[in-house]
């Protein structure tokens, strides 16, 4: 009977894992990944309203534009 580790190994015999990992560098792309990644988890009600990343981005850009509009003030003269 084969050992448990041999039974679970489904790597083809022609692939030598030690040779494949010989020149590998752990975390080689980690910094680049961190710089370009900003994940935000949406609540389910928001995910239903904004099904794509483009829809979320468009809505957030609209909120930013609206926040730059000065608040309207009542400029009507007061009556006494």
Protein backbone atom coordinates (compact mmCIF):
# COMPACT_ATOMS: atom_id res chain seq x y z
CA UNK A 1 0.00 0.00 0.00
CA UNK A 2 1.25 3.52 -0.85
CA UNK A 3 1.90 6.14 1.77
CA UNK A 4 -0.80 8.75 2.25
CA UNK A 5 1.37 11.55 0.78
CA UNK A 6 2.01 9.51 -2.37
CA UNK A 7 -1.68 8.80 -2.83
CA UNK A 8 -2.64 12.47 -2.57
CA UNK A 9 0.04 13.60 -5.02
CA UNK A 10 -1.57 14.25 -8.41
CA UNK A 11 1.45 16.02 -9.91
CA UNK A 12 2.60 14.42 -13.14
CA UNK A 13 5.81 12.42 -12.84
CA UNK A 14 7.60 14.57 -15.42
CA UNK A 15 7.26 17.65 -13.21
CA UNK A 16 9.90 17.94 -10.53
CA UNK A 17 8.53 20.35 -7.93
CA UNK A 18 11.98 21.05 -6.50
CA UNK A 19 13.23 22.07 -9.94
CA UNK A 20 10.15 24.23 -10.58
CA UNK A 21 10.56 26.10 -7.28
CA UNK A 22 14.34 26.33 -7.50
CA UNK A 23 14.41 29.91 -8.80
CA UNK A 24 11.16 31.13 -7.28
CA UNK A 25 11.08 34.18 -5.04
CA UNK A 26 8.49 34.35 -2.29
CA UNK A 27 6.46 37.56 -2.42
CA UNK A 28 8.03 38.74 -5.67
CA UNK A 29 4.94 40.69 -6.71
CA UNK A 30 3.53 41.45 -3.25
CA UNK A 31 4.47 45.14 -3.20
CA UNK A 32 3.07 45.77 -6.69
CA UNK A 33 -0.11 43.92 -5.70
CA UNK A 34 -0.52 46.00 -2.53
CA UNK A 35 -0.01 49.26 -4.40
CA UNK A 36 -2.72 48.53 -6.94
CA UNK A 37 -5.26 46.87 -4.73
CA UNK A 38 -8.02 48.59 -2.83
CA UNK A 39 -10.84 46.19 -2.18
CA UNK A 40 -14.08 47.29 -0.59
CA UNK A 41 -16.83 44.90 0.41
CA UNK A 42 -20.29 46.22 -0.45
CA UNK A 43 -23.36 45.36 1.57
CA UNK A 44 -25.80 43.18 -0.34
CA UNK A 45 -28.31 46.00 -0.95
CA UNK A 46 -25.58 48.14 -2.51
CA UNK A 47 -24.22 45.25 -4.54
CA UNK A 48 -27.71 44.79 -6.00
CA UNK A 49 -27.90 48.49 -6.92
CA UNK A 50 -24.36 48.64 -8.32
CA UNK A 51 -23.63 45.31 -10.00
CA UNK A 52 -20.32 46.33 -11.60
CA UNK A 53 -17.19 48.18 -10.53
CA UNK A 54 -17.89 50.76 -13.23
CA UNK A 55 -21.33 51.49 -11.74
CA UNK A 56 -19.83 52.00 -8.28
CA UNK A 57 -17.09 54.26 -9.65
CA UNK A 58 -19.58 56.35 -11.62
CA UNK A 59 -21.80 56.81 -8.57
CA UNK A 60 -18.88 57.79 -6.36
CA UNK A 61 -17.61 60.29 -8.92
CA UNK A 62 -21.09 61.84 -9.01
CA UNK A 63 -21.08 62.13 -5.21
CA UNK A 64 -17.70 63.88 -5.38
CA UNK A 65 -18.93 66.33 -8.01
CA UNK A 66 -22.07 67.06 -6.00
CA UNK A 67 -20.06 67.65 -2.84
CA UNK A 68 -18.16 70.45 -4.61
CA UNK A 69 -21.35 72.38 -5.45
CA UNK A 70 -21.82 75.17 -2.92
CA UNK A 71 -24.93 74.96 -0.81
CA UNK A 72 -27.72 77.19 -2.07
CA UNK A 73 -28.55 79.98 0.33
CA UNK A 74 -31.83 81.83 0.53
CA UNK A 75 -31.09 85.20 -1.13
CA UNK A 76 -34.64 86.49 -1.12
CA UNK A 77 -35.13 89.66 0.83
CA UNK A 78 -36.92 89.23 4.07
CA UNK A 79 -40.27 90.95 4.48
CA UNK A 80 -41.11 92.74 7.65
